[in-house]
């Protein structure tokens, strides 16, 4: 079944160092998970040939290892945004909970410079602002940006990131139920719950999961939700 080809999570390490006047982003090697979470490196940016390329560039380059230390693991993040809050909280420079165009532009500029990639600006940056506004209320919040960054790196070729999986698996039974899928994705707009239910139900039926998605089926569900929300 084409919709359920093997998919998994691939992330690159991006170490972010904030100083008083500048943030420096350094791209390092991919992080590999043990056993089932192991993955292979793949192309970090999908060249889409239109305004969606702004979104692909904006998020694909801004990923850091999620849950990379014991302190974070002990905190047990309850939301996807928590996985990147420590590394990318600086983006909201005025700490008002909203991401302005200038704040997003500053982040993208630093990433583009360090990675030697084309700068996203103008209409493409405007498109990215709208795309990352996951609930489409006209405001890009810090929570939405961080969630978008996590979703971008949540699935790649053959496994789901352990930290992402744990955010969804709230009852820690090893599978993802429909309510957990809904809650883990957060607010994605007025039709969001319907979209979540459709995607979950589709994957559940095609994988004969009986309402309990394993890591493989869950990875496919996240791929579909990423396509709905981010367009790739």
N, C-alpha and C. Protein backbone atom coordinates (compact mmCIF):
# COMPACT_ATOMS: atom_id res chain seq x y z
N UNK A 1 0.86 -1.19 0.00
CA UNK A 1 0.00 0.00 0.00
C UNK A 1 0.89 1.23 0.00
N UNK A 2 0.74 2.07 -1.00
CA UNK A 2 1.67 3.17 -1.20
C UNK A 2 1.71 4.14 -0.03
N UNK A 3 0.56 4.34 0.61
CA UNK A 3 0.52 5.31 1.70
C UNK A 3 1.30 4.85 2.92
N UNK A 4 1.59 3.56 2.97
CA UNK A 4 2.24 3.06 4.17
C UNK A 4 3.63 2.49 3.87
N UNK A 5 4.36 3.19 3.00
CA UNK A 5 5.75 2.78 2.80
C UNK A 5 6.55 3.11 4.05
N UNK A 6 7.70 2.47 4.19
CA UNK A 6 8.52 2.67 5.38
C UNK A 6 8.90 4.12 5.53
N UNK A 7 8.69 4.67 6.72
CA UNK A 7 9.04 6.06 6.97
C UNK A 7 9.58 6.19 8.38
N UNK A 8 10.44 7.18 8.59
CA UNK A 8 11.04 7.34 9.90
C UNK A 8 11.50 8.75 10.13
N UNK A 9 12.22 8.91 11.22
CA UNK A 9 12.62 10.23 11.63
C UNK A 9 14.10 10.47 11.41
N UNK A 10 14.41 11.53 10.68
CA UNK A 10 15.81 11.87 10.45
C UNK A 10 16.04 13.30 10.88
N UNK A 11 17.05 13.52 11.72
CA UNK A 11 17.34 14.86 12.20
C UNK A 11 18.82 15.15 12.07
N UNK A 12 19.14 16.43 11.88
CA UNK A 12 20.52 16.84 11.93
C UNK A 12 20.77 17.59 13.22
N UNK A 13 21.98 17.51 13.72
CA UNK A 13 22.35 18.24 14.91
C UNK A 13 22.66 19.67 14.54
N UNK A 14 22.02 20.62 15.19
CA UNK A 14 22.36 22.02 15.01
C UNK A 14 22.62 22.60 16.38
N UNK A 15 23.85 22.96 16.66
CA UNK A 15 24.19 23.54 17.95
C UNK A 15 24.01 25.04 17.86
N UNK A 16 23.21 25.63 18.76
CA UNK A 16 22.91 27.06 18.72
C UNK A 16 23.55 27.75 19.91
N UNK A 17 24.35 28.79 19.63
CA UNK A 17 24.97 29.55 20.71
C UNK A 17 24.52 30.98 20.62
N UNK A 18 23.79 31.47 21.63
CA UNK A 18 23.30 32.84 21.63
C UNK A 18 24.24 33.73 22.43
N UNK A 19 24.60 34.87 21.84
CA UNK A 19 25.36 35.88 22.55
C UNK A 19 24.51 37.11 22.70
N UNK A 20 25.05 38.17 23.26
CA UNK A 20 24.24 39.37 23.50
C UNK A 20 23.68 39.95 22.23
N UNK A 21 24.44 39.88 21.15
CA UNK A 21 24.01 40.53 19.92
C UNK A 21 23.87 39.59 18.74
N UNK A 22 24.14 38.31 18.91
CA UNK A 22 24.18 37.41 17.74
C UNK A 22 23.92 35.98 18.16
N UNK A 23 23.25 35.23 17.28
CA UNK A 23 23.11 33.79 17.46
C UNK A 23 23.90 33.09 16.38
N UNK A 24 24.74 32.15 16.73
CA UNK A 24 25.54 31.41 15.77
C UNK A 24 25.03 30.00 15.68
N UNK A 25 24.73 29.54 14.47
CA UNK A 25 24.21 28.20 14.26
C UNK A 25 25.25 27.37 13.56
N UNK A 26 25.62 26.24 14.13
CA UNK A 26 26.65 25.37 13.57
C UNK A 26 26.03 24.03 13.22
N UNK A 27 26.13 23.65 11.97
CA UNK A 27 25.57 22.38 11.52
C UNK A 27 26.59 21.27 11.75
N UNK A 28 26.18 20.22 12.46
CA UNK A 28 27.08 19.10 12.76
C UNK A 28 26.56 17.85 12.09
N UNK A 29 27.03 16.68 12.55
CA UNK A 29 26.66 15.41 11.93
C UNK A 29 25.30 14.93 12.42
N UNK A 30 24.64 14.05 11.67
CA UNK A 30 23.35 13.51 12.09
C UNK A 30 23.48 12.73 13.39
N UNK A 31 22.41 12.72 14.16
CA UNK A 31 22.37 11.92 15.39
C UNK A 31 21.69 10.60 15.07
N UNK A 32 22.23 9.49 15.56
CA UNK A 32 21.64 8.18 15.31
C UNK A 32 21.07 7.62 16.59
N UNK A 33 19.88 7.06 16.50
CA UNK A 33 19.23 6.43 17.63
C UNK A 33 19.59 4.95 17.67
N UNK A 34 19.63 4.34 18.84
CA UNK A 34 19.92 2.91 18.92
C UNK A 34 18.76 2.08 18.42
N UNK A 35 19.04 0.81 18.07
CA UNK A 35 18.03 -0.20 17.73
C UNK A 35 17.02 0.35 16.74
N UNK A 36 15.73 0.35 17.16
CA UNK A 36 14.66 0.67 16.22
C UNK A 36 14.70 2.11 15.76
N UNK A 37 15.34 3.00 16.56
CA UNK A 37 15.38 4.40 16.18
C UNK A 37 16.54 4.73 15.26
N UNK A 38 17.36 3.75 14.86
CA UNK A 38 18.46 4.05 13.96
C UNK A 38 17.93 4.52 12.63
N UNK A 39 18.71 5.38 11.94
CA UNK A 39 18.25 5.97 10.71
C UNK A 39 19.43 6.24 9.79
N UNK A 40 19.14 6.59 8.55
CA UNK A 40 20.17 6.92 7.60
C UNK A 40 20.03 8.39 7.25
N UNK A 41 21.17 9.05 6.96
CA UNK A 41 21.15 10.44 6.59
C UNK A 41 20.48 10.61 5.24
N UNK A 42 19.74 11.70 5.10
CA UNK A 42 19.12 11.96 3.81
C UNK A 42 19.15 13.46 3.56
N UNK A 43 18.76 13.87 2.34
CA UNK A 43 18.82 15.28 1.97
C UNK A 43 17.99 16.13 2.92
N UNK A 44 18.56 17.18 3.51
CA UNK A 44 17.86 17.94 4.53
C UNK A 44 16.82 18.90 4.00
N UNK A 45 16.94 19.32 2.75
CA UNK A 45 16.01 20.32 2.21
C UNK A 45 15.31 19.79 0.98
N UNK A 46 14.01 19.85 0.97
CA UNK A 46 13.25 19.43 -0.20
C UNK A 46 13.09 20.65 -1.11
N UNK A 47 13.68 20.57 -2.30
CA UNK A 47 13.60 21.67 -3.24
C UNK A 47 12.25 21.62 -3.94
N UNK A 48 11.32 22.43 -3.52
CA UNK A 48 9.95 22.33 -4.01
C UNK A 48 9.69 23.20 -5.23
N UNK A 49 10.55 24.17 -5.51
CA UNK A 49 10.39 24.96 -6.71
C UNK A 49 9.33 26.03 -6.64
N UNK A 50 8.79 26.31 -5.45
CA UNK A 50 7.81 27.38 -5.29
C UNK A 50 7.92 27.94 -3.89
N UNK A 51 6.91 28.68 -3.47
CA UNK A 51 7.00 29.34 -2.16
C UNK A 51 7.16 28.38 -1.01
N UNK A 52 6.72 27.13 -1.19
CA UNK A 52 6.86 26.15 -0.11
C UNK A 52 8.33 25.86 0.20
N UNK A 53 9.22 26.18 -0.74
CA UNK A 53 10.65 26.00 -0.47
C UNK A 53 11.09 26.84 0.71
N UNK A 54 10.43 27.96 0.91
CA UNK A 54 10.75 28.80 2.06
C UNK A 54 10.51 28.06 3.35
N UNK A 55 9.40 27.34 3.39
CA UNK A 55 9.08 26.57 4.59
C UNK A 55 10.06 25.43 4.78
N UNK A 56 10.38 24.73 3.70
CA UNK A 56 11.32 23.62 3.80
C UNK A 56 12.67 24.10 4.30
N UNK A 57 13.14 25.22 3.76
CA UNK A 57 14.41 25.77 4.20
C UNK A 57 14.31 26.25 5.64
N UNK A 58 13.21 26.93 5.94
CA UNK A 58 13.07 27.51 7.27
C UNK A 58 13.08 26.49 8.38
N UNK A 59 12.48 25.32 8.16
CA UNK A 59 12.43 24.34 9.25
C UNK A 59 13.50 23.27 9.15
N UNK A 60 13.85 22.85 7.94
CA UNK A 60 14.73 21.70 7.82
C UNK A 60 16.12 21.98 8.35
N UNK A 61 16.51 23.24 8.39
CA UNK A 61 17.84 23.58 8.84
C UNK A 61 17.90 23.92 10.32
N UNK A 62 16.77 23.94 10.98
CA UNK A 62 16.73 24.46 12.34
C UNK A 62 16.50 23.38 13.37
N UNK A 63 16.94 22.16 13.08
CA UNK A 63 16.67 21.07 14.00
C UNK A 63 17.86 20.74 14.86
N UNK A 64 17.60 20.43 16.11
CA UNK A 64 18.63 20.03 17.05
C UNK A 64 18.24 18.69 17.63
N UNK A 65 19.19 17.96 18.25
CA UNK A 65 18.81 16.69 18.86
C UNK A 65 17.79 16.90 19.95
N UNK A 66 16.72 16.14 19.91
CA UNK A 66 15.65 16.31 20.88
C UNK A 66 15.85 15.40 22.06
N UNK A 67 15.76 15.94 23.26
CA UNK A 67 15.94 15.13 24.46
C UNK A 67 17.35 14.61 24.58
N UNK A 68 18.36 15.46 24.34
CA UNK A 68 19.72 14.98 24.25
C UNK A 68 20.43 14.92 25.59
N UNK A 69 19.78 15.26 26.70
CA UNK A 69 20.45 15.14 27.98
C UNK A 69 19.51 14.59 29.03
N UNK A 70 20.09 14.15 30.14
CA UNK A 70 19.30 13.50 31.19
C UNK A 70 18.33 14.46 31.84
N UNK A 71 18.73 15.72 31.95
CA UNK A 71 17.85 16.69 32.61
C UNK A 71 16.54 16.85 31.85
N UNK A 72 16.65 16.91 30.51
CA UNK A 72 15.42 17.05 29.72
C UNK A 72 14.59 15.79 29.79
N UNK A 73 15.24 14.64 29.75
CA UNK A 73 14.51 13.38 29.83
C UNK A 73 13.73 13.31 31.14
N UNK A 74 14.36 13.78 32.22
CA UNK A 74 13.69 13.74 33.52
C UNK A 74 12.49 14.65 33.55
N UNK A 75 12.54 15.75 32.76
CA UNK A 75 11.44 16.71 32.75
C UNK A 75 10.20 16.15 32.07
N UNK A 76 10.36 15.13 31.21
CA UNK A 76 9.27 14.49 30.50
C UNK A 76 8.36 15.51 29.81
N UNK A 77 8.84 16.12 28.71
CA UNK A 77 8.05 17.13 28.00
C UNK A 77 6.66 16.63 27.66
N UNK A 78 5.68 17.47 27.87
CA UNK A 78 4.29 17.10 27.61
C UNK A 78 3.80 17.60 26.25
N UNK A 79 4.55 18.49 25.61
CA UNK A 79 4.17 19.04 24.32
C UNK A 79 5.36 18.94 23.37
N UNK A 80 5.08 18.86 22.08
CA UNK A 80 6.15 18.80 21.09
C UNK A 80 7.08 20.00 21.20
N UNK A 81 6.51 21.18 21.43
CA UNK A 81 7.33 22.39 21.49
C UNK A 81 8.38 22.31 22.59
N UNK A 82 8.11 21.55 23.65
CA UNK A 82 9.06 21.45 24.76
C UNK A 82 10.38 20.82 24.33
N UNK A 83 10.36 20.02 23.27
CA UNK A 83 11.56 19.33 22.83
C UNK A 83 12.61 20.27 22.28
N UNK A 84 12.19 21.44 21.80
CA UNK A 84 13.14 22.40 21.23
C UNK A 84 13.13 23.75 21.95
N UNK A 85 12.41 23.83 23.04
CA UNK A 85 12.25 25.12 23.73
C UNK A 85 13.60 25.67 24.21
N UNK A 86 14.42 24.80 24.76
CA UNK A 86 15.70 25.26 25.30
C UNK A 86 16.61 25.81 24.21
N UNK A 87 16.65 25.13 23.05
CA UNK A 87 17.55 25.53 21.99
C UNK A 87 17.05 26.72 21.19
N UNK A 88 15.73 26.83 21.01
CA UNK A 88 15.21 27.86 20.12
C UNK A 88 14.29 28.87 20.80
N UNK A 89 14.29 28.87 22.13
CA UNK A 89 13.51 29.88 22.84
C UNK A 89 14.01 31.28 22.55
N UNK A 90 15.29 31.41 22.19
CA UNK A 90 15.86 32.73 21.93
C UNK A 90 15.23 33.42 20.72
N UNK A 91 14.58 32.66 19.84
CA UNK A 91 14.00 33.26 18.63
C UNK A 91 12.98 34.33 19.00
N UNK A 92 12.20 34.06 20.04
CA UNK A 92 11.24 35.05 20.54
C UNK A 92 12.00 36.04 21.41
N UNK A 93 12.70 36.97 20.78
CA UNK A 93 13.66 37.82 21.48
C UNK A 93 13.00 38.76 22.49
N UNK A 94 11.76 39.17 22.23
CA UNK A 94 11.10 40.08 23.18
C UNK A 94 10.21 39.34 24.18
N UNK A 95 10.21 38.00 24.09
CA UNK A 95 9.50 37.15 25.04
C UNK A 95 8.02 37.49 25.18
N UNK A 96 7.38 37.82 24.06
CA UNK A 96 5.95 38.11 24.11
C UNK A 96 5.10 36.93 23.68
N UNK A 97 5.74 35.79 23.40
CA UNK A 97 5.01 34.59 23.00
C UNK A 97 4.66 34.54 21.53
N UNK A 98 5.03 35.58 20.77
CA UNK A 98 4.74 35.65 19.34
C UNK A 98 6.04 35.77 18.57
N UNK A 99 6.05 35.23 17.35
CA UNK A 99 7.21 35.33 16.48
C UNK A 99 6.91 36.35 15.39
N UNK A 100 7.64 37.46 15.41
CA UNK A 100 7.45 38.49 14.39
C UNK A 100 8.22 38.12 13.13
N UNK A 101 7.92 38.83 12.05
CA UNK A 101 8.62 38.57 10.80
C UNK A 101 10.11 38.82 10.95
N UNK A 102 10.47 39.86 11.68
CA UNK A 102 11.88 40.17 11.86
C UNK A 102 12.59 39.10 12.70
N UNK A 103 11.89 38.53 13.68
CA UNK A 103 12.48 37.47 14.50
C UNK A 103 12.72 36.21 13.68
N UNK A 104 11.73 35.84 12.84
CA UNK A 104 11.91 34.67 11.99
C UNK A 104 13.00 34.93 10.95
N UNK A 105 13.03 36.14 10.42
CA UNK A 105 14.04 36.49 9.43
C UNK A 105 15.45 36.39 10.01
N UNK A 106 15.59 36.81 11.26
CA UNK A 106 16.90 36.74 11.91
C UNK A 106 17.37 35.29 12.04
N UNK A 107 16.46 34.40 12.44
CA UNK A 107 16.80 32.99 12.56
C UNK A 107 17.19 32.41 11.21
N UNK A 108 16.35 32.63 10.20
CA UNK A 108 16.60 32.07 8.88
C UNK A 108 17.90 32.62 8.29
N UNK A 109 18.18 33.89 8.54
CA UNK A 109 19.40 34.50 8.02
C UNK A 109 20.62 33.82 8.61
N UNK A 110 20.62 33.60 9.93
CA UNK A 110 21.76 32.94 10.56
C UNK A 110 21.95 31.52 10.05
N UNK A 111 20.85 30.79 9.94
CA UNK A 111 20.93 29.41 9.46
C UNK A 111 21.42 29.38 8.01
N UNK A 112 20.88 30.24 7.17
CA UNK A 112 21.26 30.26 5.76
C UNK A 112 22.74 30.60 5.60
N UNK A 113 23.22 31.54 6.40
CA UNK A 113 24.62 31.94 6.32
C UNK A 113 25.54 30.80 6.73
N UNK A 114 25.22 30.16 7.86
CA UNK A 114 26.07 29.09 8.36
C UNK A 114 26.06 27.87 7.45
N UNK A 115 24.90 27.58 6.84
CA UNK A 115 24.78 26.39 5.99
C UNK A 115 25.06 26.69 4.52
N UNK A 116 25.37 27.97 4.21
CA UNK A 116 25.66 28.38 2.84
C UNK A 116 24.52 28.04 1.89
N UNK A 117 23.31 28.41 2.30
CA UNK A 117 22.11 28.16 1.50
C UNK A 117 21.44 29.48 1.15
N UNK A 118 20.59 29.47 0.11
CA UNK A 118 19.93 30.71 -0.30
C UNK A 118 19.12 31.31 0.84
N UNK A 119 19.12 32.63 0.91
CA UNK A 119 18.38 33.33 1.96
C UNK A 119 16.90 33.39 1.62
N UNK A 120 16.08 33.03 2.57
CA UNK A 120 14.63 33.13 2.40
C UNK A 120 14.20 34.53 2.82
N UNK A 121 13.53 35.24 1.95
CA UNK A 121 13.09 36.59 2.27
C UNK A 121 11.89 36.96 1.41
N UNK A 122 11.37 38.17 1.60
CA UNK A 122 10.27 38.66 0.79
C UNK A 122 9.03 37.79 0.88
N UNK A 123 8.47 37.45 -0.28
CA UNK A 123 7.23 36.66 -0.33
C UNK A 123 7.41 35.27 0.28
N UNK A 124 8.58 34.69 0.13
CA UNK A 124 8.82 33.36 0.69
C UNK A 124 8.79 33.40 2.22
N UNK A 125 9.35 34.47 2.80
CA UNK A 125 9.31 34.61 4.26
C UNK A 125 7.88 34.83 4.73
N UNK A 126 7.12 35.62 3.98
CA UNK A 126 5.70 35.83 4.32
C UNK A 126 4.94 34.50 4.27
N UNK A 127 5.25 33.70 3.25
CA UNK A 127 4.61 32.39 3.13
C UNK A 127 4.94 31.52 4.33
N UNK A 128 6.20 31.54 4.74
CA UNK A 128 6.62 30.74 5.89
C UNK A 128 5.90 31.17 7.15
N UNK A 129 5.73 32.47 7.33
CA UNK A 129 5.00 32.97 8.50
C UNK A 129 3.59 32.39 8.53
N UNK A 130 2.93 32.37 7.39
CA UNK A 130 1.57 31.84 7.32
C UNK A 130 1.55 30.33 7.49
N UNK A 131 2.53 29.65 6.92
CA UNK A 131 2.57 28.19 6.99
C UNK A 131 2.78 27.71 8.42
N UNK A 132 3.69 28.36 9.14
CA UNK A 132 3.99 27.94 10.51
C UNK A 132 2.89 28.32 11.49
N UNK A 133 1.99 29.20 11.07
CA UNK A 133 0.82 29.54 11.89
C UNK A 133 -0.16 28.36 11.81
N UNK A 134 0.11 27.34 12.60
CA UNK A 134 -0.57 26.05 12.43
C UNK A 134 -2.07 26.11 12.64
N UNK A 135 -2.54 27.00 13.52
CA UNK A 135 -3.99 27.09 13.71
C UNK A 135 -4.63 28.15 12.84
N UNK A 136 -3.82 28.82 12.01
CA UNK A 136 -4.31 29.79 11.02
C UNK A 136 -5.16 30.90 11.64
N UNK A 137 -4.69 31.43 12.77
CA UNK A 137 -5.43 32.54 13.39
C UNK A 137 -4.79 33.88 13.10
N UNK A 138 -3.80 33.89 12.20
CA UNK A 138 -3.16 35.14 11.81
C UNK A 138 -1.98 35.54 12.68
N UNK A 139 -1.65 34.73 13.69
CA UNK A 139 -0.52 35.03 14.57
C UNK A 139 0.38 33.80 14.65
N UNK A 140 1.67 34.02 14.50
CA UNK A 140 2.63 32.93 14.65
C UNK A 140 3.17 32.96 16.08
N UNK A 141 2.83 31.95 16.86
CA UNK A 141 3.30 31.91 18.24
C UNK A 141 4.60 31.11 18.34
N UNK A 142 5.29 31.31 19.45
CA UNK A 142 6.50 30.54 19.71
C UNK A 142 6.18 29.04 19.73
N UNK A 143 5.05 28.69 20.34
CA UNK A 143 4.65 27.28 20.42
C UNK A 143 4.47 26.69 19.03
N UNK A 144 3.84 27.43 18.14
CA UNK A 144 3.59 26.92 16.79
C UNK A 144 4.89 26.74 16.02
N UNK A 145 5.80 27.70 16.13
CA UNK A 145 7.07 27.59 15.43
C UNK A 145 7.85 26.37 15.91
N UNK A 146 7.92 26.21 17.23
CA UNK A 146 8.67 25.07 17.78
C UNK A 146 8.01 23.75 17.39
N UNK A 147 6.68 23.71 17.40
CA UNK A 147 5.99 22.48 16.98
C UNK A 147 6.29 22.16 15.52
N UNK A 148 6.29 23.20 14.67
CA UNK A 148 6.58 23.00 13.25
C UNK A 148 8.00 22.47 13.06
N UNK A 149 8.95 22.99 13.83
CA UNK A 149 10.33 22.52 13.73
C UNK A 149 10.44 21.05 14.12
N UNK A 150 9.74 20.67 15.19
CA UNK A 150 9.77 19.28 15.63
C UNK A 150 9.11 18.38 14.59
N UNK A 151 7.95 18.79 14.07
CA UNK A 151 7.26 17.97 13.08
C UNK A 151 8.11 17.77 11.83
N UNK A 152 8.86 18.80 11.46
CA UNK A 152 9.71 18.69 10.27
C UNK A 152 10.72 17.56 10.43
N UNK A 153 11.23 17.38 11.65
CA UNK A 153 12.23 16.34 11.85
C UNK A 153 11.72 15.10 12.53
N UNK A 154 10.41 14.96 12.63
CA UNK A 154 9.86 13.85 13.40
C UNK A 154 9.86 12.53 12.66
N UNK A 155 9.94 12.56 11.32
CA UNK A 155 9.85 11.32 10.53
C UNK A 155 10.77 11.43 9.34
N UNK A 156 11.43 10.28 8.99
CA UNK A 156 12.26 10.29 7.79
C UNK A 156 12.14 8.98 7.04
N UNK A 157 12.93 7.96 7.38
CA UNK A 157 12.95 6.77 6.53
C UNK A 157 12.45 5.49 7.18
N UNK A 158 12.77 5.23 8.44
CA UNK A 158 12.34 3.94 8.97
C UNK A 158 12.13 3.87 10.47
N UNK A 159 12.04 5.01 11.18
CA UNK A 159 11.80 4.97 12.62
C UNK A 159 11.29 6.32 13.09
N UNK A 160 10.70 6.32 14.26
CA UNK A 160 10.20 7.54 14.88
C UNK A 160 11.13 7.93 16.01
N UNK A 161 11.44 9.22 16.12
CA UNK A 161 12.31 9.68 17.19
C UNK A 161 11.71 9.32 18.55
N UNK A 162 12.56 8.81 19.44
CA UNK A 162 12.10 8.34 20.74
C UNK A 162 11.45 9.44 21.56
N UNK A 163 12.01 10.66 21.50
CA UNK A 163 11.46 11.75 22.30
C UNK A 163 10.08 12.18 21.79
N UNK A 164 9.94 12.24 20.47
CA UNK A 164 8.64 12.55 19.89
C UNK A 164 7.62 11.49 20.26
N UNK A 165 8.04 10.23 20.15
CA UNK A 165 7.14 9.13 20.47
C UNK A 165 6.65 9.22 21.92
N UNK A 166 7.54 9.56 22.82
CA UNK A 166 7.18 9.63 24.24
C UNK A 166 6.21 10.77 24.53
N UNK A 167 6.31 11.88 23.78
CA UNK A 167 5.35 12.97 23.96
C UNK A 167 3.94 12.49 23.63
N UNK A 168 3.82 11.68 22.57
CA UNK A 168 2.50 11.18 22.16
C UNK A 168 2.03 10.04 23.06
N UNK A 169 2.92 9.15 23.43
CA UNK A 169 2.54 7.96 24.19
C UNK A 169 2.37 8.32 25.67
N UNK A 170 1.30 9.03 25.97
CA UNK A 170 1.13 9.60 27.31
C UNK A 170 0.83 8.57 28.37
N UNK A 171 0.24 7.45 27.99
CA UNK A 171 -0.02 6.41 28.99
C UNK A 171 1.10 5.37 29.04
N UNK A 172 2.15 5.60 28.23
CA UNK A 172 3.36 4.77 28.25
C UNK A 172 3.07 3.28 28.04
N UNK A 173 2.09 2.98 27.19
CA UNK A 173 1.79 1.57 26.92
C UNK A 173 2.47 1.06 25.65
N UNK A 174 3.26 1.93 25.00
CA UNK A 174 4.03 1.50 23.84
C UNK A 174 3.33 1.67 22.50
N UNK A 175 2.06 2.09 22.50
CA UNK A 175 1.34 2.36 21.26
C UNK A 175 0.66 3.72 21.36
N UNK A 176 0.23 4.24 20.20
CA UNK A 176 -0.41 5.55 20.16
C UNK A 176 -1.89 5.38 19.84
N UNK A 177 -2.73 5.82 20.78
CA UNK A 177 -4.17 5.76 20.58
C UNK A 177 -4.67 7.09 19.97
N UNK A 178 -5.91 7.09 19.51
CA UNK A 178 -6.43 8.25 18.78
C UNK A 178 -6.41 9.53 19.62
N UNK A 179 -6.80 9.47 20.87
CA UNK A 179 -6.79 10.67 21.71
C UNK A 179 -5.37 11.16 21.96
N UNK A 180 -4.42 10.23 22.06
CA UNK A 180 -3.04 10.64 22.23
C UNK A 180 -2.53 11.34 20.97
N UNK A 181 -2.93 10.85 19.81
CA UNK A 181 -2.54 11.46 18.55
C UNK A 181 -3.09 12.88 18.47
N UNK A 182 -4.35 13.04 18.85
CA UNK A 182 -4.97 14.36 18.86
C UNK A 182 -4.23 15.32 19.78
N UNK A 183 -4.02 14.89 21.03
CA UNK A 183 -3.43 15.75 22.04
C UNK A 183 -1.98 16.11 21.70
N UNK A 184 -1.23 15.15 21.18
CA UNK A 184 0.18 15.39 20.89
C UNK A 184 0.41 16.43 19.82
N UNK A 185 -0.47 16.49 18.83
CA UNK A 185 -0.31 17.44 17.73
C UNK A 185 -0.67 18.86 18.12
N UNK A 186 -1.48 19.03 19.16
CA UNK A 186 -1.86 20.37 19.60
C UNK A 186 -2.88 21.03 18.69
N UNK A 187 -3.04 22.33 18.86
CA UNK A 187 -4.04 23.11 18.13
C UNK A 187 -3.58 23.35 16.69
N UNK A 188 -4.34 22.81 15.74
CA UNK A 188 -4.03 23.04 14.33
C UNK A 188 -5.23 23.61 13.59
N UNK A 189 -6.03 24.41 14.29
CA UNK A 189 -7.11 25.13 13.64
C UNK A 189 -8.48 24.53 13.81
N UNK A 190 -9.48 25.22 13.26
CA UNK A 190 -10.87 24.85 13.46
C UNK A 190 -11.21 23.48 12.90
N UNK A 191 -10.56 23.08 11.84
CA UNK A 191 -10.80 21.75 11.26
C UNK A 191 -9.72 20.76 11.65
N UNK A 192 -8.91 21.13 12.62
CA UNK A 192 -7.76 20.32 12.97
C UNK A 192 -8.10 18.94 13.49
N UNK A 193 -9.09 18.85 14.39
CA UNK A 193 -9.43 17.55 14.96
C UNK A 193 -9.96 16.61 13.88
N UNK A 194 -10.71 17.16 12.93
CA UNK A 194 -11.23 16.33 11.84
C UNK A 194 -10.08 15.78 11.00
N UNK A 195 -9.08 16.64 10.74
CA UNK A 195 -7.92 16.20 9.95
C UNK A 195 -7.13 15.13 10.71
N UNK A 196 -6.94 15.34 12.00
CA UNK A 196 -6.22 14.35 12.82
C UNK A 196 -6.95 13.02 12.81
N UNK A 197 -8.26 13.07 12.99
CA UNK A 197 -9.05 11.84 13.04
C UNK A 197 -9.03 11.11 11.70
N UNK A 198 -9.09 11.87 10.61
CA UNK A 198 -9.05 11.25 9.28
C UNK A 198 -7.72 10.52 9.07
N UNK A 199 -6.62 11.22 9.36
CA UNK A 199 -5.29 10.64 9.17
C UNK A 199 -5.11 9.42 10.07
N UNK A 200 -5.46 9.56 11.34
CA UNK A 200 -5.31 8.44 12.26
C UNK A 200 -6.15 7.24 11.80
N UNK A 201 -7.42 7.50 11.46
CA UNK A 201 -8.30 6.42 11.03
C UNK A 201 -7.82 5.74 9.76
N UNK A 202 -7.29 6.55 8.84
CA UNK A 202 -6.79 5.99 7.58
C UNK A 202 -5.63 5.03 7.84
N UNK A 203 -4.64 5.50 8.61
CA UNK A 203 -3.48 4.66 8.90
C UNK A 203 -3.87 3.46 9.75
N UNK A 204 -4.76 3.67 10.69
CA UNK A 204 -5.22 2.58 11.57
C UNK A 204 -5.84 1.45 10.75
N UNK A 205 -6.69 1.82 9.79
CA UNK A 205 -7.35 0.80 8.97
C UNK A 205 -6.37 0.10 8.04
N UNK A 206 -5.49 0.87 7.38
CA UNK A 206 -4.57 0.29 6.43
C UNK A 206 -3.52 -0.60 7.09
N UNK A 207 -3.23 -0.32 8.34
CA UNK A 207 -2.21 -1.12 9.04
C UNK A 207 -2.82 -2.16 9.97
N UNK A 208 -4.18 -2.23 9.99
CA UNK A 208 -4.87 -3.19 10.87
C UNK A 208 -4.38 -3.08 12.32
N UNK A 209 -4.29 -1.84 12.80
CA UNK A 209 -3.73 -1.60 14.13
C UNK A 209 -4.75 -1.70 15.26
N UNK A 210 -6.02 -1.71 14.93
CA UNK A 210 -7.04 -1.84 15.95
C UNK A 210 -7.06 -0.72 16.97
N UNK A 211 -6.73 0.49 16.51
CA UNK A 211 -6.77 1.64 17.42
C UNK A 211 -5.54 1.79 18.29
N UNK A 212 -4.48 1.04 17.97
CA UNK A 212 -3.23 1.12 18.73
C UNK A 212 -2.07 1.13 17.73
N UNK A 213 -1.62 2.32 17.33
CA UNK A 213 -0.56 2.42 16.33
C UNK A 213 0.80 2.10 16.94
N UNK A 214 1.52 1.16 16.30
CA UNK A 214 2.90 0.92 16.74
C UNK A 214 3.80 2.00 16.13
N UNK A 215 5.10 1.92 16.38
CA UNK A 215 6.00 2.99 15.94
C UNK A 215 6.00 3.16 14.42
N UNK A 216 5.90 2.06 13.68
CA UNK A 216 5.89 2.14 12.22
C UNK A 216 4.64 2.84 11.70
N UNK A 217 3.48 2.41 12.19
CA UNK A 217 2.22 3.02 11.76
C UNK A 217 2.14 4.47 12.22
N UNK A 218 2.60 4.74 13.43
CA UNK A 218 2.60 6.11 13.94
C UNK A 218 3.47 7.01 13.08
N UNK A 219 4.62 6.48 12.64
CA UNK A 219 5.49 7.26 11.76
C UNK A 219 4.79 7.64 10.47
N UNK A 220 4.02 6.71 9.92
CA UNK A 220 3.27 7.01 8.69
C UNK A 220 2.20 8.06 8.94
N UNK A 221 1.54 8.00 10.10
CA UNK A 221 0.53 8.99 10.44
C UNK A 221 1.16 10.38 10.56
N UNK A 222 2.34 10.46 11.14
CA UNK A 222 3.02 11.75 11.26
C UNK A 222 3.44 12.28 9.90
N UNK A 223 3.87 11.39 9.00
CA UNK A 223 4.22 11.81 7.64
C UNK A 223 3.02 12.48 6.97
N UNK A 224 1.86 11.85 7.10
CA UNK A 224 0.65 12.40 6.49
C UNK A 224 0.26 13.73 7.12
N UNK A 225 0.36 13.84 8.45
CA UNK A 225 0.02 15.10 9.12
C UNK A 225 1.01 16.20 8.77
N UNK A 226 2.26 15.84 8.61
CA UNK A 226 3.24 16.85 8.19
C UNK A 226 2.91 17.37 6.79
N UNK A 227 2.48 16.47 5.92
CA UNK A 227 2.09 16.89 4.57
C UNK A 227 0.89 17.83 4.62
N UNK A 228 -0.07 17.52 5.50
CA UNK A 228 -1.25 18.38 5.64
C UNK A 228 -0.86 19.75 6.16
N UNK A 229 -0.01 19.80 7.19
CA UNK A 229 0.30 21.05 7.87
C UNK A 229 1.41 21.85 7.21
N UNK A 230 2.45 21.17 6.69
CA UNK A 230 3.61 21.88 6.17
C UNK A 230 3.78 21.73 4.66
N UNK A 231 3.01 20.86 4.05
CA UNK A 231 3.01 20.77 2.60
C UNK A 231 4.08 19.88 1.99
N UNK A 232 4.77 19.07 2.81
CA UNK A 232 5.79 18.18 2.27
C UNK A 232 6.05 17.04 3.24
